[in-house]
């Protein structure tokens, strides 16, 4: 009787252990990698995301404030330069 050989392989995508028959190429057994994850890790992840979101919000707030100040400065400059411009001549005023 021929002895079938089995090979244990690790999946490069999901790190699962696969037991494969070399003669048929069939997967005889698969075992997923157990995640080292706990409730404390989940809570810490949520806190980290909350802090990151707060930092991003603060940065966006400062950026928007700087943009608004720049627009106000441009508006003030435009108001000053308005006095320098003459009113356009309207053809019906020439009569």
Protein backbone atom coordinates (compact mmCIF):
# COMPACT_ATOMS: atom_id res chain seq x y z
CA UNK A 1 0.00 0.00 0.00
CA UNK A 2 1.40 3.40 -1.01
CA UNK A 3 1.86 5.83 1.80
CA UNK A 4 0.32 9.27 1.16
CA UNK A 5 2.35 12.22 2.29
CA UNK A 6 0.80 15.28 3.80
CA UNK A 7 2.44 18.65 3.92
CA UNK A 8 1.70 21.40 6.40
CA UNK A 9 1.68 24.82 4.70
CA UNK A 10 1.08 28.33 6.01
CA UNK A 11 -1.09 30.62 3.87
CA UNK A 12 0.75 33.85 3.03
CA UNK A 13 -2.48 35.87 2.98
CA UNK A 14 -4.27 34.89 6.17
CA UNK A 15 -1.52 32.94 8.02
CA UNK A 16 -3.80 29.91 8.33
CA UNK A 17 -2.21 26.46 8.69
CA UNK A 18 -3.19 24.08 5.90
CA UNK A 19 -2.65 20.31 5.80
CA UNK A 20 -2.37 19.38 2.11
CA UNK A 21 -2.22 15.90 0.54
CA UNK A 22 0.71 15.90 -1.90
CA UNK A 23 -0.78 13.24 -4.17
CA UNK A 24 -4.21 14.78 -4.67
CA UNK A 25 -3.49 18.43 -3.79
CA UNK A 26 -6.55 18.56 -1.59
CA UNK A 27 -6.62 20.54 1.63
CA UNK A 28 -7.30 18.01 4.36
CA UNK A 29 -7.40 20.39 7.30
CA UNK A 30 -7.20 24.13 7.83
CA UNK A 31 -6.78 26.07 11.03
CA UNK A 32 -7.12 29.82 11.16
CA UNK A 33 -4.58 31.87 13.08
CA UNK A 34 -6.02 32.91 16.42
CA UNK A 35 -6.09 36.63 16.93
CA UNK A 36 -4.46 38.01 20.02
CA UNK A 37 -7.25 40.46 20.67
CA UNK A 38 -9.02 41.35 23.88
CA UNK A 39 -11.59 43.78 25.16
CA UNK A 40 -8.84 45.97 26.59
CA UNK A 41 -7.20 46.14 23.16
CA UNK A 42 -10.52 47.14 21.60
CA UNK A 43 -11.05 49.88 24.18
CA UNK A 44 -7.52 51.20 23.61
CA UNK A 45 -8.08 51.20 19.84
CA UNK A 46 -11.26 53.24 20.28
CA UNK A 47 -9.44 55.72 22.53
CA UNK A 48 -6.60 56.02 20.01
CA UNK A 49 -9.02 56.65 17.16
CA UNK A 50 -10.85 59.24 19.27
CA UNK A 51 -7.58 61.08 19.99
CA UNK A 52 -6.57 60.95 16.33
CA UNK A 53 -9.97 62.31 15.27
CA UNK A 54 -9.68 65.13 17.82
CA UNK A 55 -6.21 66.05 16.51
CA UNK A 56 -7.45 66.03 12.91
CA UNK A 57 -10.44 68.19 13.88
CA UNK A 58 -8.21 70.70 15.69
CA UNK A 59 -5.89 70.90 12.68
CA UNK A 60 -8.83 71.38 10.31
CA UNK A 61 -10.24 74.08 12.62
CA UNK A 62 -6.94 75.98 12.65
CA UNK A 63 -6.55 75.62 8.88
CA UNK A 64 -10.07 76.96 8.31
CA UNK A 65 -9.45 79.88 10.66
CA UNK A 66 -6.23 80.77 8.79
CA UNK A 67 -8.07 80.51 5.47
CA UNK A 68 -10.83 82.79 6.73
CA UNK A 69 -8.28 85.36 7.97
CA UNK A 70 -6.57 85.29 4.58
CA UNK A 71 -9.89 85.87 2.82
CA UNK A 72 -10.72 88.77 5.14
CA UNK A 73 -7.33 90.34 4.40
CA UNK A 74 -7.92 90.01 0.66
CA UNK A 75 -11.38 91.55 1.08
CA UNK A 76 -9.92 94.54 2.99
CA UNK A 77 -7.32 95.03 0.24
CA UNK A 78 -10.05 94.88 -2.39
CA UNK A 79 -12.06 97.52 -0.51
CA UNK A 80 -9.02 99.82 -0.39
CA UNK A 81 -8.33 99.38 -4.09
CA UNK A 82 -12.01 100.05 -4.91
CA UNK A 83 -11.49 103.73 -4.16
CA UNK A 84 -8.73 103.84 -6.74
CA UNK A 85 -10.96 102.58 -9.54
CA UNK A 86 -13.14 104.96 -11.50
CA UNK A 87 -16.76 104.29 -12.14
CA UNK A 88 -17.28 102.89 -15.63
CA UNK A 89 -18.62 105.32 -18.21
CA UNK A 90 -22.16 104.51 -19.24
CA UNK A 91 -23.07 105.45 -22.81
CA UNK A 92 -26.45 107.00 -21.90
CA UNK A 93 -24.76 109.38 -19.44
CA UNK A 94 -22.86 111.08 -22.29
CA UNK A 95 -25.97 112.85 -23.58
